Amino acid sequence: IQGAIAELAAAHYLQLPWTGVEAHADDLPGIDVKSTNNANKGLRMIEGKDLIFVHAYVRNNEVTLKGWARLEDAYQAQVKWERDNKGRRFCELPISELHPITDLRDWIANGGRHD
């Protein structure tokens, strides 16, 4: 439920349609919203996904969109990469390295592609 709440909040803020019909499906094409209930946890990014990753902090069903990034940002920040239990490489980009969520909203509003 936390993930769905975060996706719906991101869709609303970014003024994008949200399907929300299927679990683990692309509810926001081209955007992967990663939710956490830990205010200090960075943005988890999975290598091989050419997406925009959005960080959503969820507490008591209230969402704070902390920012966004692409894989290129993680490579430039030279963060530590690990493997998850599915063998995928992932990293956790610190919140301080994220782009402001307002930049993403403005880019989309001005005709930027998000998929």
Protein backbone atom coordinates (compact mmCIF):
# COMPACT_ATOMS: atom_id res chain seq x y z
CA ILE A 1 0.00 0.00 0.00
CA GLN A 2 2.88 2.38 0.79
CA GLY A 3 4.15 2.09 -2.78
CA ALA A 4 0.72 2.78 -4.28
CA ILE A 5 0.26 5.83 -2.04
CA ALA A 6 3.66 7.15 -3.17
CA GLU A 7 2.91 6.54 -6.86
CA LEU A 8 -0.47 8.24 -6.65
CA ALA A 9 1.08 11.26 -4.90
CA ALA A 10 3.84 11.49 -7.53
CA ALA A 11 1.32 11.23 -10.38
CA HIS A 12 -0.81 13.96 -8.82
CA TYR A 13 2.15 16.29 -8.21
CA LEU A 14 3.65 15.69 -11.66
CA GLN A 15 0.19 15.99 -13.27
CA LEU A 16 0.47 12.60 -14.95
CA PRO A 17 -2.19 9.90 -15.29
CA TRP A 18 -1.89 7.03 -12.82
CA THR A 19 -3.29 3.62 -13.72
CA GLY A 20 -2.71 1.90 -10.40
CA VAL A 21 -4.51 -1.20 -11.58
CA GLU A 22 -1.82 -3.83 -11.34
CA ALA A 23 0.73 -4.49 -8.63
CA HIS A 24 4.35 -4.24 -9.83
CA ALA A 25 3.29 -2.68 -13.15
CA ASP A 26 4.37 0.61 -14.70
CA ASP A 27 1.81 2.95 -13.19
CA LEU A 28 3.78 5.98 -14.38
CA PRO A 29 5.46 5.17 -17.73
CA GLY A 30 9.15 5.98 -17.68
CA ILE A 31 9.14 6.79 -13.96
CA ASP A 32 9.92 4.46 -11.08
CA VAL A 33 8.69 5.81 -7.75
CA LYS A 34 10.65 4.36 -4.85
CA SER A 35 9.00 4.72 -1.46
CA THR A 36 10.50 4.47 2.01
CA ASN A 37 9.35 5.12 5.55
CA ASN A 38 12.90 6.06 6.60
CA ALA A 39 13.37 9.83 6.22
CA ASN A 40 17.16 9.49 5.84
CA LYS A 41 17.29 6.60 3.39
CA GLY A 42 18.58 7.44 -0.07
CA LEU A 43 16.99 6.66 -3.41
CA ARG A 44 17.36 3.00 -4.39
CA MET A 45 18.17 2.70 -8.08
CA ILE A 46 18.40 -0.53 -10.08
CA GLU A 47 20.94 -0.69 -12.88
CA GLY A 48 19.63 -1.48 -16.34
CA LYS A 49 16.42 0.49 -15.95
CA ASP A 50 16.43 3.54 -18.23
CA LEU A 51 13.97 5.41 -16.05
CA ILE A 52 13.57 8.48 -13.97
CA PHE A 53 13.66 7.41 -10.30
CA VAL A 54 11.60 9.44 -7.83
CA HIS A 55 12.21 9.31 -4.07
CA ALA A 56 9.05 9.32 -1.95
CA TYR A 57 9.12 9.42 1.85
CA VAL A 58 5.86 8.08 3.27
CA ARG A 59 4.80 8.48 6.89
CA ASN A 60 1.27 8.06 8.24
CA ASN A 61 -0.02 8.00 4.64
CA GLU A 62 1.52 11.44 3.97
CA VAL A 63 4.05 11.65 1.13
CA THR A 64 7.04 13.92 0.70
CA LEU A 65 8.66 13.75 -2.74
CA LYS A 66 12.31 14.34 -1.89
CA GLY A 67 13.67 14.50 -5.44
CA TRP A 68 14.58 12.51 -8.51
CA ALA A 69 17.56 11.13 -10.41
CA ARG A 70 18.64 9.01 -13.35
CA LEU A 71 21.30 6.30 -13.36
CA GLU A 72 23.80 8.77 -14.83
CA ASP A 73 23.51 10.77 -11.60
CA ALA A 74 24.45 7.71 -9.55
CA TYR A 75 27.44 6.98 -11.78
CA GLN A 76 28.65 10.59 -11.44
CA ALA A 77 28.21 10.50 -7.66
CA GLN A 78 30.38 7.36 -7.56
CA VAL A 79 28.14 5.61 -5.05
CA LYS A 80 28.64 2.04 -3.89
CA TRP A 81 26.92 -0.59 -6.03
CA GLU A 82 25.71 -3.91 -4.63
CA ARG A 83 23.68 -6.92 -5.79
CA ASP A 84 20.21 -7.71 -4.51
CA ASN A 85 18.82 -11.22 -3.94
CA LYS A 86 17.75 -11.33 -7.62
CA GLY A 87 21.31 -10.63 -8.77
CA ARG A 88 20.54 -7.08 -9.98
CA ARG A 89 23.03 -4.30 -9.36
CA PHE A 90 21.62 -1.45 -7.30
CA CYS A 91 22.77 1.59 -5.39
CA GLU A 92 21.36 4.01 -2.88
CA LEU A 93 21.85 7.60 -4.00
CA PRO A 94 21.99 10.02 -1.05
CA ILE A 95 19.12 12.52 -0.80
CA SER A 96 21.67 15.35 -1.09
CA GLU A 97 22.46 14.15 -4.65
CA LEU A 98 18.85 14.27 -5.89
CA HIS A 99 17.48 16.88 -8.29
CA PRO A 100 14.60 19.00 -6.95
CA ILE A 101 11.20 17.46 -7.69
CA THR A 102 10.04 20.87 -8.95
CA ASP A 103 12.54 20.58 -11.83
CA LEU A 104 10.96 17.32 -12.96
CA ARG A 105 7.43 18.73 -12.67
CA ASP A 106 8.40 21.81 -14.72
CA TRP A 107 10.20 19.73 -17.34
CA ILE A 108 7.13 17.51 -17.83
CA ALA A 109 4.78 20.54 -17.88
CA ASN A 110 6.91 22.12 -20.61
CA GLY A 111 6.58 19.10 -22.88
CA GLY A 112 9.52 17.01 -21.69
CA ARG A 113 9.21 13.32 -22.32
CA HIS A 114 8.97 11.03 -19.33
CA ASP A 115 8.99 7.69 -21.16
